[in-house]
Amino acid sequence: MAILVRPYWSPREISSIVSLLIHAIAFGPPTSAVVKETSNKIHERVDTLEKEYAHSTIYVLGDFNSTSLKLPRFKQQVTCTTRKD
């Protein structure tokens, strides 16, 4: 789900804020086809949003199970497991 917010006041360089909320459940080892397909779909969606909203700030939020997203120009803030196993 993507949410576009255009605040009444924001810095001139930021026209809007896009929050991409992802709940990606992909069971299996990181090399499995389901995990790769899910990761590819997330990458495609992020690329589309970056092209469509070039002057926006984009946040990608989610629960990424069994996969590690490596998105260019994005920095992952939480890198450790946040729950058991």
PDB file of N, CA and C in Angstrom:
ATOM      1  N   MET A   1       0.857  -1.153   0.000  1.00  0.00           N
ATOM      2  CA  MET A   1       0.000   0.000   0.000  1.00  0.00           C
ATOM      3  C   MET A   1       0.911   1.226   0.000  1.00  0.00           C
ATOM      4  N   ALA A   2       0.612   2.155  -0.858  1.00  0.00           N
ATOM      5  CA  ALA A   2       1.372   3.403  -0.925  1.00  0.00           C
ATOM      6  C   ALA A   2       0.461   4.558  -0.536  1.00  0.00           C
ATOM      7  N   ILE A   3       0.973   5.437   0.308  1.00  0.00           N
ATOM      8  CA  ILE A   3       0.224   6.595   0.775  1.00  0.00           C
ATOM      9  C   ILE A   3       0.997   7.844   0.368  1.00  0.00           C
ATOM     10  N   LEU A   4       0.320   8.747  -0.314  1.00  0.00           N
ATOM     11  CA  LEU A   4       0.917  10.008  -0.739  1.00  0.00           C
ATOM     12  C   LEU A   4       0.358  11.124   0.132  1.00  0.00           C
ATOM     13  N   VAL A   5       1.258  11.894   0.743  1.00  0.00           N
ATOM     14  CA  VAL A   5       0.870  13.001   1.622  1.00  0.00           C
ATOM     15  C   VAL A   5       1.495  14.273   1.087  1.00  0.00           C
ATOM     16  N   ARG A   6       0.679  15.281   0.952  1.00  0.00           N
ATOM     17  CA  ARG A   6       1.175  16.608   0.565  1.00  0.00           C
ATOM     18  C   ARG A   6       0.862  17.576   1.703  1.00  0.00           C
ATOM     19  N   PRO A   7       1.833  17.756   2.589  1.00  0.00           N
ATOM     20  CA  PRO A   7       1.596  18.625   3.736  1.00  0.00           C
ATOM     21  C   PRO A   7       1.380  20.077   3.323  1.00  0.00           C
ATOM     22  N   TYR A   8       0.655  20.791   4.156  1.00  0.00           N
ATOM     23  CA  TYR A   8       0.409  22.213   3.904  1.00  0.00           C
ATOM     24  C   TYR A   8       1.725  22.969   3.852  1.00  0.00           C
ATOM     25  N   TRP A   9       2.638  22.630   4.788  1.00  0.00           N
ATOM     26  CA  TRP A   9       3.946  23.263   4.795  1.00  0.00           C
ATOM     27  C   TRP A   9       5.009  22.177   4.731  1.00  0.00           C
ATOM     28  N   SER A  10       5.943  22.328   3.821  1.00  0.00           N
ATOM     29  CA  SER A  10       7.109  21.442   3.735  1.00  0.00           C
ATOM     30  C   SER A  10       8.230  22.225   3.062  1.00  0.00           C
ATOM     31  N   PRO A  11       9.459  21.769   3.229  1.00  0.00           N
ATOM     32  CA  PRO A  11      10.563  22.460   2.552  1.00  0.00           C
ATOM     33  C   PRO A  11      10.345  22.487   1.037  1.00  0.00           C
ATOM     34  N   ARG A  12      10.861  23.473   0.392  1.00  0.00           N
ATOM     35  CA  ARG A  12      10.655  23.674  -1.038  1.00  0.00           C
ATOM     36  C   ARG A  12      11.139  22.485  -1.863  1.00  0.00           C
ATOM     37  N   GLU A  13      12.187  21.792  -1.403  1.00  0.00           N
ATOM     38  CA  GLU A  13      12.756  20.679  -2.148  1.00  0.00           C
ATOM     39  C   GLU A  13      11.878  19.429  -2.108  1.00  0.00           C
ATOM     40  N   ILE A  14      10.952  19.362  -1.166  1.00  0.00           N
ATOM     41  CA  ILE A  14      10.104  18.180  -0.989  1.00  0.00           C
ATOM     42  C   ILE A  14       8.679  18.542  -1.370  1.00  0.00           C
ATOM     43  N   SER A  15       8.209  18.007  -2.485  1.00  0.00           N
ATOM     44  CA  SER A  15       6.851  18.336  -2.917  1.00  0.00           C
ATOM     45  C   SER A  15       5.809  17.481  -2.206  1.00  0.00           C
ATOM     46  N   SER A  16       6.181  16.262  -1.827  1.00  0.00           N
ATOM     47  CA  SER A  16       5.259  15.373  -1.129  1.00  0.00           C
ATOM     48  C   SER A  16       6.047  14.273  -0.434  1.00  0.00           C
ATOM     49  N   ILE A  17       5.335  13.513   0.383  1.00  0.00           N
ATOM     50  CA  ILE A  17       5.938  12.394   1.101  1.00  0.00           C
ATOM     51  C   ILE A  17       5.172  11.132   0.714  1.00  0.00           C
ATOM     52  N   VAL A  18       5.909  10.113   0.308  1.00  0.00           N
ATOM     53  CA  VAL A  18       5.297   8.839  -0.067  1.00  0.00           C
ATOM     54  C   VAL A  18       5.755   7.787   0.932  1.00  0.00           C
ATOM     55  N   SER A  19       4.794   7.099   1.550  1.00  0.00           N
ATOM     56  CA  SER A  19       5.102   5.985   2.449  1.00  0.00           C
ATOM     57  C   SER A  19       4.632   4.707   1.779  1.00  0.00           C
ATOM     58  N   LEU A  20       5.556   3.806   1.532  1.00  0.00           N
ATOM     59  CA  LEU A  20       5.235   2.518   0.941  1.00  0.00           C
ATOM     60  C   LEU A  20       5.245   1.497   2.068  1.00  0.00           C
ATOM     61  N   LEU A  21       4.075   0.956   2.385  1.00  0.00           N
ATOM     62  CA  LEU A  21       3.934   0.003   3.478  1.00  0.00           C
ATOM     63  C   LEU A  21       3.883  -1.393   2.891  1.00  0.00           C
ATOM     64  N   ILE A  22       4.809  -2.246   3.316  1.00  0.00           N
ATOM     65  CA  ILE A  22       4.920  -3.582   2.749  1.00  0.00           C
ATOM     66  C   ILE A  22       4.885  -4.613   3.867  1.00  0.00           C
ATOM     67  N   HIS A  23       4.099  -5.632   3.666  1.00  0.00           N
ATOM     68  CA  HIS A  23       4.116  -6.790   4.558  1.00  0.00           C
ATOM     69  C   HIS A  23       4.429  -7.982   3.668  1.00  0.00           C
ATOM     70  N   ALA A  24       5.697  -8.302   3.559  1.00  0.00           N
ATOM     71  CA  ALA A  24       6.133  -9.358   2.643  1.00  0.00           C
ATOM     72  C   ALA A  24       6.410 -10.619   3.428  1.00  0.00           C
ATOM     73  N   ILE A  25       5.567 -11.600   3.244  1.00  0.00           N
ATOM     74  CA  ILE A  25       5.777 -12.891   3.880  1.00  0.00           C
ATOM     75  C   ILE A  25       6.225 -13.847   2.783  1.00  0.00           C
ATOM     76  N   ALA A  26       7.448 -14.263   2.861  1.00  0.00           N
ATOM     77  CA  ALA A  26       7.969 -15.220   1.894  1.00  0.00           C
ATOM     78  C   ALA A  26       8.691 -16.308   2.671  1.00  0.00           C
ATOM     79  N   PHE A  27       8.093 -17.470   2.728  1.00  0.00           N
ATOM     80  CA  PHE A  27       8.668 -18.567   3.499  1.00  0.00           C
ATOM     81  C   PHE A  27       9.668 -19.344   2.662  1.00  0.00           C
ATOM     82  N   GLY A  28      10.698 -19.789   3.301  1.00  0.00           N
ATOM     83  CA  GLY A  28      11.693 -20.579   2.611  1.00  0.00           C
ATOM     84  C   GLY A  28      13.058 -19.943   2.692  1.00  0.00           C
ATOM     85  N   PRO A  29      14.046 -20.639   2.165  1.00  0.00           N
ATOM     86  CA  PRO A  29      15.392 -20.074   2.186  1.00  0.00           C
ATOM     87  C   PRO A  29      15.487 -18.851   1.278  1.00  0.00           C
ATOM     88  N   PRO A  30      16.434 -17.962   1.544  1.00  0.00           N
ATOM     89  CA  PRO A  30      16.557 -16.730   0.750  1.00  0.00           C
ATOM     90  C   PRO A  30      16.769 -16.961  -0.743  1.00  0.00           C
ATOM     91  N   THR A  31      17.118 -18.162  -1.135  1.00  0.00           N
ATOM     92  CA  THR A  31      17.331 -18.445  -2.558  1.00  0.00           C
ATOM     93  C   THR A  31      16.089 -19.015  -3.237  1.00  0.00           C
ATOM     94  N   SER A  32      15.010 -19.166  -2.498  1.00  0.00           N
ATOM     95  CA  SER A  32      13.812 -19.775  -3.087  1.00  0.00           C
ATOM     96  C   SER A  32      13.166 -18.839  -4.099  1.00  0.00           C
ATOM     97  N   ALA A  33      12.394 -19.417  -5.018  1.00  0.00           N
ATOM     98  CA  ALA A  33      11.755 -18.654  -6.093  1.00  0.00           C
ATOM     99  C   ALA A  33      10.731 -17.668  -5.541  1.00  0.00           C
ATOM    100  N   VAL A  34      10.008 -18.040  -4.480  1.00  0.00           N
ATOM    101  CA  VAL A  34       8.993 -17.156  -3.904  1.00  0.00           C
ATOM    102  C   VAL A  34       9.641 -15.909  -3.317  1.00  0.00           C
ATOM    103  N   VAL A  35      10.749 -16.075  -2.621  1.00  0.00           N
ATOM    104  CA  VAL A  35      11.455 -14.940  -2.023  1.00  0.00           C
ATOM    105  C   VAL A  35      11.988 -14.023  -3.120  1.00  0.00           C
ATOM    106  N   LYS A  36      12.557 -14.601  -4.161  1.00  0.00           N
ATOM    107  CA  LYS A  36      13.081 -13.787  -5.265  1.00  0.00           C
ATOM    108  C   LYS A  36      11.964 -13.043  -5.977  1.00  0.00           C
ATOM    109  N   GLU A  37      10.834 -13.689  -6.200  1.00  0.00           N
ATOM    110  CA  GLU A  37       9.699 -13.040  -6.876  1.00  0.00           C
ATOM    111  C   GLU A  37       9.153 -11.892  -6.031  1.00  0.00           C
ATOM    112  N   THR A  38       9.016 -12.119  -4.741  1.00  0.00           N
ATOM    113  CA  THR A  38       8.530 -11.072  -3.838  1.00  0.00           C
ATOM    114  C   THR A  38       9.492  -9.885  -3.836  1.00  0.00           C
ATOM    115  N   SER A  39      10.771 -10.153  -3.750  1.00  0.00           N
ATOM    116  CA  SER A  39      11.773  -9.101  -3.762  1.00  0.00           C
ATOM    117  C   SER A  39      11.737  -8.315  -5.073  1.00  0.00           C
ATOM    118  N   ASN A  40      11.585  -9.007  -6.195  1.00  0.00           N
ATOM    119  CA  ASN A  40      11.504  -8.335  -7.498  1.00  0.00           C
ATOM    120  C   ASN A  40      10.291  -7.424  -7.590  1.00  0.00           C
ATOM    121  N   LYS A  41       9.151  -7.875  -7.064  1.00  0.00           N
ATOM    122  CA  LYS A  41       7.938  -7.053  -7.088  1.00  0.00           C
ATOM    123  C   LYS A  41       8.116  -5.788  -6.244  1.00  0.00           C
ATOM    124  N   ILE A  42       8.773  -5.917  -5.104  1.00  0.00           N
ATOM    125  CA  ILE A  42       9.022  -4.753  -4.251  1.00  0.00           C
ATOM    126  C   ILE A  42       9.945  -3.770  -4.968  1.00  0.00           C
ATOM    127  N   HIS A  43      10.990  -4.280  -5.604  1.00  0.00           N
ATOM    128  CA  HIS A  43      11.920  -3.418  -6.348  1.00  0.00           C
ATOM    129  C   HIS A  43      11.202  -2.685  -7.482  1.00  0.00           C
ATOM    130  N   GLU A  44      10.334  -3.392  -8.202  1.00  0.00           N
ATOM    131  CA  GLU A  44       9.586  -2.767  -9.300  1.00  0.00           C
ATOM    132  C   GLU A  44       8.695  -1.644  -8.788  1.00  0.00           C
ATOM    133  N   ARG A  45       8.014  -1.880  -7.669  1.00  0.00           N
ATOM    134  CA  ARG A  45       7.112  -0.866  -7.115  1.00  0.00           C
ATOM    135  C   ARG A  45       7.883   0.365  -6.655  1.00  0.00           C
ATOM    136  N   VAL A  46       9.025   0.151  -5.999  1.00  0.00           N
ATOM    137  CA  VAL A  46       9.844   1.272  -5.537  1.00  0.00           C
ATOM    138  C   VAL A  46      10.372   2.061  -6.731  1.00  0.00           C
ATOM    139  N   ASP A  47      10.819   1.366  -7.772  1.00  0.00           N
ATOM    140  CA  ASP A  47      11.293   2.057  -8.982  1.00  0.00           C
ATOM    141  C   ASP A  47      10.189   2.903  -9.604  1.00  0.00           C
ATOM    142  N   THR A  48       8.989   2.359  -9.682  1.00  0.00           N
ATOM    143  CA  THR A  48       7.854   3.094 -10.242  1.00  0.00           C
ATOM    144  C   THR A  48       7.577   4.355  -9.434  1.00  0.00           C
ATOM    145  N   LEU A  49       7.567   4.229  -8.109  1.00  0.00           N
ATOM    146  CA  LEU A  49       7.307   5.390  -7.255  1.00  0.00           C
ATOM    147  C   LEU A  49       8.409   6.444  -7.388  1.00  0.00           C
ATOM    148  N   GLU A  50       9.663   5.992  -7.487  1.00  0.00           N
ATOM    149  CA  GLU A  50      10.764   6.950  -7.633  1.00  0.00           C
ATOM    150  C   GLU A  50      10.657   7.734  -8.941  1.00  0.00           C
ATOM    151  N   LYS A  51      10.225   7.082  -9.990  1.00  0.00           N
ATOM    152  CA  LYS A  51      10.083   7.762 -11.279  1.00  0.00           C
ATOM    153  C   LYS A  51       8.875   8.693 -11.285  1.00  0.00           C
ATOM    154  N   GLU A  52       7.777   8.240 -10.696  1.00  0.00           N
ATOM    155  CA  GLU A  52       6.537   9.026 -10.710  1.00  0.00           C
ATOM    156  C   GLU A  52       6.612  10.230  -9.776  1.00  0.00           C
ATOM    157  N   TYR A  53       7.250  10.066  -8.639  1.00  0.00           N
ATOM    158  CA  TYR A  53       7.343  11.134  -7.642  1.00  0.00           C
ATOM    159  C   TYR A  53       8.817  11.461  -7.397  1.00  0.00           C
ATOM    160  N   ALA A  54       9.468  11.976  -8.410  1.00  0.00           N
ATOM    161  CA  ALA A  54      10.913  12.219  -8.370  1.00  0.00           C
ATOM    162  C   ALA A  54      11.322  13.239  -7.306  1.00  0.00           C
ATOM    163  N   HIS A  55      10.466  14.206  -6.997  1.00  0.00           N
ATOM    164  CA  HIS A  55      10.813  15.250  -6.039  1.00  0.00           C
ATOM    165  C   HIS A  55      10.177  15.006  -4.669  1.00  0.00           C
ATOM    166  N   SER A  56       9.864  13.775  -4.403  1.00  0.00           N
ATOM    167  CA  SER A  56       9.236  13.424  -3.131  1.00  0.00           C
ATOM    168  C   SER A  56      10.211  12.678  -2.242  1.00  0.00           C
ATOM    169  N   THR A  57       9.911  12.683  -0.959  1.00  0.00           N
ATOM    170  CA  THR A  57      10.636  11.855  -0.015  1.00  0.00           C
ATOM    171  C   THR A  57       9.889  10.531   0.070  1.00  0.00           C
ATOM    172  N   ILE A  58      10.600   9.429  -0.060  1.00  0.00           N
ATOM    173  CA  ILE A  58       9.955   8.111  -0.071  1.00  0.00           C
ATOM    174  C   ILE A  58      10.477   7.292   1.102  1.00  0.00           C
ATOM    175  N   TYR A  59       9.538   6.740   1.871  1.00  0.00           N
ATOM    176  CA  TYR A  59       9.860   5.835   2.969  1.00  0.00           C
ATOM    177  C   TYR A  59       9.323   4.461   2.612  1.00  0.00           C
ATOM    178  N   VAL A  60      10.141   3.439   2.811  1.00  0.00           N
ATOM    179  CA  VAL A  60       9.701   2.061   2.608  1.00  0.00           C
ATOM    180  C   VAL A  60       9.649   1.422   3.981  1.00  0.00           C
ATOM    181  N   LEU A  61       8.450   1.081   4.419  1.00  0.00           N
ATOM    182  CA  LEU A  61       8.241   0.515   5.749  1.00  0.00           C
ATOM    183  C   LEU A  61       7.688  -0.887   5.596  1.00  0.00           C
ATOM    184  N   GLY A  62       8.128  -1.803   6.435  1.00  0.00           N
ATOM    185  CA  GLY A  62       7.558  -3.127   6.315  1.00  0.00           C
ATOM    186  C   GLY A  62       8.206  -4.167   7.189  1.00  0.00           C
ATOM    187  N   ASP A  63       7.659  -5.355   7.062  1.00  0.00           N
ATOM    188  CA  ASP A  63       8.117  -6.530   7.776  1.00  0.00           C
ATOM    189  C   ASP A  63       8.658  -7.482   6.718  1.00  0.00           C
ATOM    190  N   PHE A  64       9.954  -7.514   6.560  1.00  0.00           N
ATOM    191  CA  PHE A  64      10.572  -8.317   5.514  1.00  0.00           C
ATOM    192  C   PHE A  64      11.094  -9.610   6.115  1.00  0.00           C
ATOM    193  N   ASN A  65      10.327 -10.662   5.946  1.00  0.00           N
ATOM    194  CA  ASN A  65      10.701 -11.961   6.493  1.00  0.00           C
ATOM    195  C   ASN A  65      11.528 -12.735   5.472  1.00  0.00           C
ATOM    196  N   SER A  66      12.604 -13.310   5.911  1.00  0.00           N
ATOM    197  CA  SER A  66      13.456 -14.194   5.107  1.00  0.00           C
ATOM    198  C   SER A  66      14.073 -13.523   3.888  1.00  0.00           C
ATOM    199  N   THR A  67      14.127 -12.225   3.855  1.00  0.00           N
ATOM    200  CA  THR A  67      14.741 -11.562   2.716  1.00  0.00           C
ATOM    201  C   THR A  67      15.427 -10.286   3.162  1.00  0.00           C
ATOM    202  N   SER A  68      16.380  -9.880   2.414  1.00  0.00           N
ATOM    203  CA  SER A  68      17.075  -8.633   2.678  1.00  0.00           C
ATOM    204  C   SER A  68      16.970  -7.777   1.425  1.00  0.00           C
ATOM    205  N   LEU A  69      16.314  -6.657   1.527  1.00  0.00           N
ATOM    206  CA  LEU A  69      16.160  -5.782   0.376  1.00  0.00           C
ATOM    207  C   LEU A  69      17.366  -4.876   0.258  1.00  0.00           C
ATOM    208  N   LYS A  70      17.905  -4.815  -0.912  1.00  0.00           N
ATOM    209  CA  LYS A  70      19.008  -3.898  -1.176  1.00  0.00           C
ATOM    210  C   LYS A  70      18.522  -2.915  -2.229  1.00  0.00           C
ATOM    211  N   LEU A  71      17.917  -1.844  -1.757  1.00  0.00           N
ATOM    212  CA  LEU A  71      17.383  -0.824  -2.649  1.00  0.00           C
ATOM    213  C   LEU A  71      18.398   0.294  -2.813  1.00  0.00           C
ATOM    214  N   PRO A  72      18.705   0.663  -4.061  1.00  0.00           N
ATOM    215  CA  PRO A  72      19.654   1.759  -4.246  1.00  0.00           C
ATOM    216  C   PRO A  72      19.073   3.066  -3.702  1.00  0.00           C
ATOM    217  N   ARG A  73      19.912   3.890  -3.138  1.00  0.00           N
ATOM    218  CA  ARG A  73      19.549   5.193  -2.571  1.00  0.00           C
ATOM    219  C   ARG A  73      18.681   5.095  -1.323  1.00  0.00           C
ATOM    220  N   PHE A  74      18.544   3.925  -0.747  1.00  0.00           N
ATOM    221  CA  PHE A  74      17.808   3.752   0.501  1.00  0.00           C
ATOM    222  C   PHE A  74      18.745   3.169   1.536  1.00  0.00           C
ATOM    223  N   LYS A  75      18.521   3.540   2.797  1.00  0.00           N
ATOM    224  CA  LYS A  75      19.329   3.008   3.890  1.00  0.00           C
ATOM    225  C   LYS A  75      18.416   2.277   4.854  1.00  0.00           C
ATOM    226  N   GLN A  76      18.740   1.034   5.133  1.00  0.00           N
ATOM    227  CA  GLN A  76      17.942   0.257   6.064  1.00  0.00           C
ATOM    228  C   GLN A  76      18.306   0.662   7.486  1.00  0.00           C
ATOM    229  N   GLN A  77      17.299   1.051   8.272  1.00  0.00           N
ATOM    230  CA  GLN A  77      17.526   1.521   9.634  1.00  0.00           C
ATOM    231  C   GLN A  77      17.596   0.373  10.640  1.00  0.00           C
ATOM    232  N   VAL A  78      16.709  -0.605  10.508  1.00  0.00           N
ATOM    233  CA  VAL A  78      16.671  -1.739  11.431  1.00  0.00           C
ATOM    234  C   VAL A  78      17.298  -2.919  10.705  1.00  0.00           C
ATOM    235  N   THR A  79      18.424  -3.407  11.223  1.00  0.00           N
ATOM    236  CA  THR A  79      19.133  -4.494  10.546  1.00  0.00           C
ATOM    237  C   THR A  79      19.159  -5.788  11.350  1.00  0.00           C
ATOM    238  N   CYS A  80      18.614  -5.772  12.541  1.00  0.00           N
ATOM    239  CA  CYS A  80      18.625  -6.982  13.368  1.00  0.00           C
ATOM    240  C   CYS A  80      17.218  -7.594  13.398  1.00  0.00           C
ATOM    241  N   THR A  81      17.149  -8.837  13.822  1.00  0.00           N
ATOM    242  CA  THR A  81      15.864  -9.512  13.949  1.00  0.00           C
ATOM    243  C   THR A  81      15.082  -8.856  15.083  1.00  0.00           C
ATOM    244  N   THR A  82      13.813  -8.573  14.824  1.00  0.00           N
ATOM    245  CA  THR A  82      13.006  -7.891  15.838  1.00  0.00           C
ATOM    246  C   THR A  82      12.057  -8.823  16.568  1.00  0.00           C
ATOM    247  N   ARG A  83      12.140 -10.102  16.233  1.00  0.00           N
ATOM    248  CA  ARG A  83      11.359 -11.085  16.977  1.00  0.00           C
ATOM    249  C   ARG A  83      12.090 -12.410  16.986  1.00  0.00           C
ATOM    250  N   LYS A  84      11.616 -13.298  17.785  1.00  0.00           N
ATOM    251  CA  LYS A  84      12.265 -14.592  17.970  1.00  0.00           C
ATOM    252  C   LYS A  84      12.329 -15.374  16.666  1.00  0.00           C
ATOM    253  N   ASP A  85      13.439 -16.056  16.413  1.00  0.00           N
ATOM    254  CA  ASP A  85      13.648 -16.895  15.224  1.00  0.00           C
ATOM    255  C   ASP A  85      13.490 -16.117  13.954  1.00  0.00           C
TER     256      ASP A  85
END
